[in-house]
Every structure is written in C-alpha cells, then in structure tokens.
C-alpha cells in the first residue's frame, strides 16, 4: 500500500529541509513505498528554492505551488487532489510530528485494515514537548467541547496529523474548510460517515524555527462553524452521507 504524505508549507525555509530529511530517512529505512507532496502555499521566503533542491535529492519528493486562494485548509485540499497513494497522512512542515509515529500509523492501518488511524497526544503513551501553556488550555477545552457536542470519546480531534485511506478522502467530500478548521472537518466527517478508525498514542514537539501559522483569535468562529456543520450532518442528515457497505 503506497503512502502519500501531504505537507502544507508557508514560509518554512528554516524547517522544511530537516522535515523532509527525517521523513525520507525513516521511511526508506524500512522500505515503505511512499511519496511526499509538499504544497508550497505561495511562500514569500526561500521555501520554493529549498524544495527545488529536495526534489533533486529525493525521487519520492515532489512539490506543487498553491497560488491561491491561500490558507492551511486550501493548501491541504489542493494537495489531496494530487496524491497518488492508497492512503494519505497530513503532516506539518515544522517537524512537530514524528516520522516514527507515521510508521506506527501506517503499520496499524495495514494490520487492522482500518479506514483511518488517529493519534492522540493526550492518551497513555502520548507526549508533548515544549507545548505552550495557554495553547494547551485552549486545546483541551476545544477538544472537550467537540467530544460533548459530537458525543465521541476521541480527545485530540484538533491535531492535523492523521492517516486516511484514499477512499475516505473521496467519501468525505465536499471538504469546505479553508483554514485550520480543516483539522476537525476531516476526522469528524470520517467518523460521522461510518469509516472505521482506531486511536494510537503519538508525540508532538514544538517547532524550533519560525512561528506557528495558527492564529487562535481568528479561528474560534471558524472552528465553531465546522463543528456545527458536522453536528447538523450527524443528527439531521438521516445517514444520507453514511458509507454504504
């Protein structure tokens, strides 16, 4: 099963080289067939120049430029339409997600024949390194609200780092989130529409370079909109969008 990795990148000149090097080293070591697709989200720095050198260095790496509209969700949606693998993981360009967790996701999906594999940084075995305190409080409150509203037990919906079979991505269309609210739209739709999933512990490490693109003050209403969108589908669509077996 070929693995695709979609990495949105906006002004990640200080991080993208190390991220790709780490992924390639981990995945080639155990011979996982894969492609790494970096979506350059119209970066203003040297991200594109570094990517040019990386596609020469690594045959499995390619990149595309999303000229617009731009935003985290737009970039991922752009990349998801261009993958060639049988399953796809979304990872961050700042190396906050571990390549070895990705391998765990991939082997778990194959062994259990799951449609999706979700990670949790907050379950036993998970860990966070240098997680900002205020961001942590907001994260835990937001995930608690999602759990209550959607009546699910999963406690890390907001983390983008998840693995989906390609048919899941096709089955949860249309994907509408333009920004970071896409991180909850994908897993919630997959759950609502009846795709199988399992949860494994994973780690998160704060970025060493650059600044986070997530602006919490700007995102509150957007997360709420997507949560309500998914809530309406779950409780009022009468299963019209549910996976047909």
Protein backbone atom coordinates (compact mmCIF):
# COMPACT_ATOMS: atom_id res chain seq x y z
CA UNK A 1 0.00 0.00 0.00
CA UNK A 2 1.57 3.25 -1.14
CA UNK A 3 1.68 6.02 1.44
CA UNK A 4 1.24 9.67 0.47
CA UNK A 5 2.22 12.47 2.83
CA UNK A 6 0.79 15.93 2.25
CA UNK A 7 2.73 18.75 3.90
CA UNK A 8 1.42 22.33 3.65
CA UNK A 9 4.27 24.83 3.80
CA UNK A 10 4.12 28.59 4.13
CA UNK A 11 7.43 30.38 4.78
CA UNK A 12 9.12 27.26 6.18
CA UNK A 13 12.65 27.84 4.85
CA UNK A 14 14.19 27.06 8.25
CA UNK A 15 12.31 23.80 8.82
CA UNK A 16 11.39 22.08 5.57
CA UNK A 17 14.83 20.61 4.82
CA UNK A 18 15.10 18.86 8.19
CA UNK A 19 11.49 17.68 7.99
CA UNK A 20 11.95 16.05 4.59
CA UNK A 21 15.35 14.59 5.51
CA UNK A 22 13.87 13.00 8.65
CA UNK A 23 10.87 11.58 6.80
CA UNK A 24 12.94 10.14 3.97
CA UNK A 25 15.44 8.60 6.36
CA UNK A 26 12.71 6.91 8.42
CA UNK A 27 10.55 5.68 5.53
CA UNK A 28 13.34 4.37 3.31
CA UNK A 29 14.95 2.57 6.23
CA UNK A 30 12.03 0.13 6.37
CA UNK A 31 11.14 0.34 2.67
CA UNK A 32 7.66 1.84 2.86
CA UNK A 33 6.51 2.78 -0.67
CA UNK A 34 5.70 6.45 -0.45
CA UNK A 35 5.52 9.91 -1.92
CA UNK A 36 5.97 13.20 -0.10
CA UNK A 37 3.95 16.03 -1.60
CA UNK A 38 4.79 19.46 -0.24
CA UNK A 39 2.25 22.15 -1.03
CA UNK A 40 4.08 25.47 -1.15
CA UNK A 41 1.31 27.83 -0.10
CA UNK A 42 2.67 30.80 -2.05
CA UNK A 43 5.59 31.30 0.35
CA UNK A 44 7.40 34.64 0.33
CA UNK A 45 10.76 33.29 1.56
CA UNK A 46 13.16 30.67 0.15
CA UNK A 47 10.85 27.68 0.74
CA UNK A 48 10.39 27.06 -3.01
CA UNK A 49 14.14 27.26 -3.67
CA UNK A 50 14.84 24.66 -0.97
CA UNK A 51 12.11 22.42 -2.35
CA UNK A 52 13.74 22.58 -5.79
CA UNK A 53 16.89 21.07 -4.32
CA UNK A 54 14.95 18.46 -2.34
CA UNK A 55 13.14 17.05 -5.38
CA UNK A 56 16.53 16.51 -6.98
CA UNK A 57 17.89 14.82 -3.88
CA UNK A 58 14.88 12.57 -3.27
CA UNK A 59 12.94 10.86 -6.11
CA UNK A 60 9.91 10.36 -3.84
CA UNK A 61 9.58 14.06 -3.05
CA UNK A 62 7.64 16.49 -5.18
CA UNK A 63 6.08 19.85 -4.62
CA UNK A 64 3.34 21.98 -6.05
CA UNK A 65 2.61 25.65 -5.51
CA UNK A 66 -0.83 26.76 -4.45
CA UNK A 67 -1.03 30.22 -5.98
CA UNK A 68 -4.32 30.97 -4.29
CA UNK A 69 -6.56 31.23 -2.55
CA UNK A 70 -4.14 30.54 0.27
CA UNK A 71 -4.54 29.17 3.76
CA UNK A 72 -3.85 25.96 5.65
CA UNK A 73 -7.07 24.27 4.56
CA UNK A 74 -6.80 25.44 0.97
CA UNK A 75 -3.24 24.09 0.76
CA UNK A 76 -4.19 20.66 2.08
CA UNK A 77 -7.24 20.45 -0.17
CA UNK A 78 -5.04 21.35 -3.13
CA UNK A 79 -2.59 18.58 -2.20
CA UNK A 80 -5.25 15.94 -1.58
CA UNK A 81 -6.39 16.25 -5.19
CA UNK A 82 -2.88 15.42 -6.42
CA UNK A 83 -1.85 12.38 -4.37
CA UNK A 84 -1.12 9.03 -5.97
CA UNK A 85 -1.00 6.82 -2.87
CA UNK A 86 -3.55 4.41 -1.42
CA UNK A 87 -3.55 6.26 1.90
CA UNK A 88 -2.59 9.77 2.91
CA UNK A 89 -1.19 11.39 6.03
CA UNK A 90 -1.26 15.09 6.76
CA UNK A 91 1.89 16.30 8.48
CA UNK A 92 3.29 19.67 9.46
CA UNK A 93 6.33 21.26 7.84
CA UNK A 94 7.94 22.19 11.17
CA UNK A 95 8.82 18.62 12.27
CA UNK A 96 6.37 18.78 15.17
CA UNK A 97 5.09 15.36 14.04
CA UNK A 98 7.32 12.30 14.37
CA UNK A 99 8.17 10.21 11.29
CA UNK A 100 8.23 7.17 13.56
CA UNK A 101 4.66 7.88 14.66
CA UNK A 102 3.78 7.95 10.97
CA UNK A 103 5.27 4.48 10.56
CA UNK A 104 3.18 3.34 13.54
CA UNK A 105 0.05 4.80 11.93
CA UNK A 106 0.83 3.05 8.64
CA UNK A 107 1.52 -0.39 10.13
CA UNK A 108 -1.55 -0.09 12.37
CA UNK A 109 -3.74 0.68 9.35
CA UNK A 110 -2.43 -2.32 7.44
CA UNK A 111 -2.58 -4.78 10.34
CA UNK A 112 -6.08 -3.74 11.41
CA UNK A 113 -7.41 -2.85 7.95
CA UNK A 114 -8.71 0.42 9.37
CA UNK A 115 -10.00 3.21 7.16
CA UNK A 116 -8.36 5.83 9.40
CA UNK A 117 -5.72 5.98 12.10
CA UNK A 118 -5.90 8.91 14.51
CA UNK A 119 -3.24 9.88 17.01
CA UNK A 120 -3.70 11.25 20.49
CA UNK A 121 -1.04 13.23 22.32
CA UNK A 122 -3.13 13.11 25.48
CA UNK A 123 -3.72 9.38 25.96
CA UNK A 124 -1.42 6.99 27.79
CA UNK A 125 1.80 6.70 25.80
CA UNK A 126 1.37 10.07 24.08
CA UNK A 127 3.50 13.10 24.90
CA UNK A 128 4.03 16.76 24.13
CA UNK A 129 7.35 18.59 24.28
CA UNK A 130 7.50 22.32 24.95
CA UNK A 131 3.76 22.81 24.40
CA UNK A 132 2.80 26.45 25.17
CA UNK A 133 0.69 26.58 28.33
CA UNK A 134 -2.07 28.87 27.06
CA UNK A 135 -2.31 26.92 23.81
CA UNK A 136 -2.61 23.71 25.84
CA UNK A 137 -5.53 25.07 27.88
CA UNK A 138 -7.33 26.22 24.74
CA UNK A 139 -6.65 22.86 23.08
CA UNK A 140 -8.06 20.82 25.93
CA UNK A 141 -11.18 22.99 26.25
CA UNK A 142 -11.80 22.90 22.49
CA UNK A 143 -11.45 19.13 22.34
CA UNK A 144 -13.74 18.70 25.34
CA UNK A 145 -16.41 20.78 23.59
CA UNK A 146 -16.04 18.70 20.42
CA UNK A 147 -16.35 15.46 22.41
CA UNK A 148 -19.52 16.66 24.14
CA UNK A 149 -21.20 18.13 21.06
CA UNK A 150 -20.38 15.18 18.80
CA UNK A 151 -20.74 12.52 21.53
CA UNK A 152 -17.38 10.89 20.80
CA UNK A 153 -14.61 9.67 23.09
CA UNK A 154 -11.69 10.79 20.92
CA UNK A 155 -9.78 13.54 22.73
CA UNK A 156 -7.42 15.00 20.08
CA UNK A 157 -9.59 15.87 17.10
CA UNK A 158 -7.87 19.22 16.51
CA UNK A 159 -4.46 17.73 15.65
CA UNK A 160 -3.96 17.57 11.88
CA UNK A 161 -1.59 14.59 12.00
CA UNK A 162 -3.82 11.69 10.95
CA UNK A 163 -3.83 8.93 8.33
CA UNK A 164 -6.72 8.22 5.95
CA UNK A 165 -7.25 5.72 3.16
CA UNK A 166 -7.73 7.49 -0.15
CA UNK A 167 -11.31 6.27 -0.44
CA UNK A 168 -12.08 8.05 2.84
CA UNK A 169 -10.91 11.37 1.41
CA UNK A 170 -13.11 10.73 -1.61
CA UNK A 171 -16.03 9.73 0.62
CA UNK A 172 -16.00 12.81 2.87
CA UNK A 173 -16.28 15.31 0.06
CA UNK A 174 -17.03 18.14 -0.21
CA UNK A 175 -14.28 19.41 2.07
CA UNK A 176 -15.02 23.07 2.70
CA UNK A 177 -12.63 24.36 5.38
CA UNK A 178 -10.19 26.98 4.10
CA UNK A 179 -8.10 27.30 7.25
CA UNK A 180 -7.04 25.30 10.32
CA UNK A 181 -10.65 24.26 10.93
CA UNK A 182 -9.96 21.58 8.31
CA UNK A 183 -8.21 19.67 11.12
CA UNK A 184 -11.59 18.86 12.69
CA UNK A 185 -13.63 18.61 9.50
CA UNK A 186 -11.75 15.60 8.12
CA UNK A 187 -11.90 13.29 11.17
CA UNK A 188 -15.42 14.28 12.22
CA UNK A 189 -16.80 13.61 8.75
CA UNK A 190 -14.95 10.29 8.60
CA UNK A 191 -16.48 9.27 11.93
CA UNK A 192 -19.97 10.51 11.05
CA UNK A 193 -19.95 8.78 7.67
CA UNK A 194 -19.13 5.41 9.18
CA UNK A 195 -15.49 4.83 8.31
CA UNK A 196 -13.57 2.61 10.68
CA UNK A 197 -10.81 4.11 12.79
CA UNK A 198 -8.51 3.41 15.69
CA UNK A 199 -6.56 5.69 18.01
CA UNK A 200 -2.89 5.32 18.88
CA UNK A 201 -0.62 7.48 21.06
CA UNK A 202 1.64 9.94 19.31
CA UNK A 203 4.06 12.72 20.22
CA UNK A 204 4.28 16.43 19.42
CA UNK A 205 7.34 18.67 19.60
CA UNK A 206 7.20 22.44 19.39
CA UNK A 207 8.84 23.96 16.33
CA UNK A 208 12.49 25.02 16.58
CA UNK A 209 12.29 27.73 13.92
CA UNK A 210 9.77 30.23 12.66
CA UNK A 211 6.34 30.93 14.11
CA UNK A 212 3.10 28.99 14.15
CA UNK A 213 0.64 29.99 11.44
CA UNK A 214 -2.34 29.23 13.69
CA UNK A 215 -3.95 32.46 14.91
CA UNK A 216 -6.26 31.35 17.70
CA UNK A 217 -8.19 34.63 17.90
CA UNK A 218 -9.05 34.37 14.21
CA UNK A 219 -10.03 30.71 14.31
CA UNK A 220 -12.61 30.42 17.09
CA UNK A 221 -15.68 31.18 14.99
CA UNK A 222 -14.36 29.11 12.08
CA UNK A 223 -13.90 26.03 14.27
CA UNK A 224 -17.39 26.59 15.68
CA UNK A 225 -18.87 26.82 12.18
CA UNK A 226 -17.33 23.49 11.12
CA UNK A 227 -18.36 21.86 14.40
CA UNK A 228 -21.97 22.95 13.82
CA UNK A 229 -21.75 21.84 10.18
CA UNK A 230 -20.70 18.36 11.30
CA UNK A 231 -23.25 18.35 14.14
CA UNK A 232 -26.06 19.04 11.65
CA UNK A 233 -24.88 16.27 9.35
CA UNK A 234 -24.66 13.77 12.20
CA UNK A 235 -28.06 14.44 13.75
CA UNK A 236 -30.21 15.70 10.88
CA UNK A 237 -28.99 14.09 7.63
CA UNK A 238 -30.63 10.73 8.43
CA UNK A 239 -27.47 8.93 7.34
CA UNK A 240 -27.72 10.15 3.74
CA UNK A 241 -23.94 10.56 3.55
CA UNK A 242 -23.01 7.45 5.50
CA UNK A 243 -20.63 4.92 3.95
CA UNK A 244 -22.52 2.24 2.07
CA UNK A 245 -21.21 -1.26 2.64
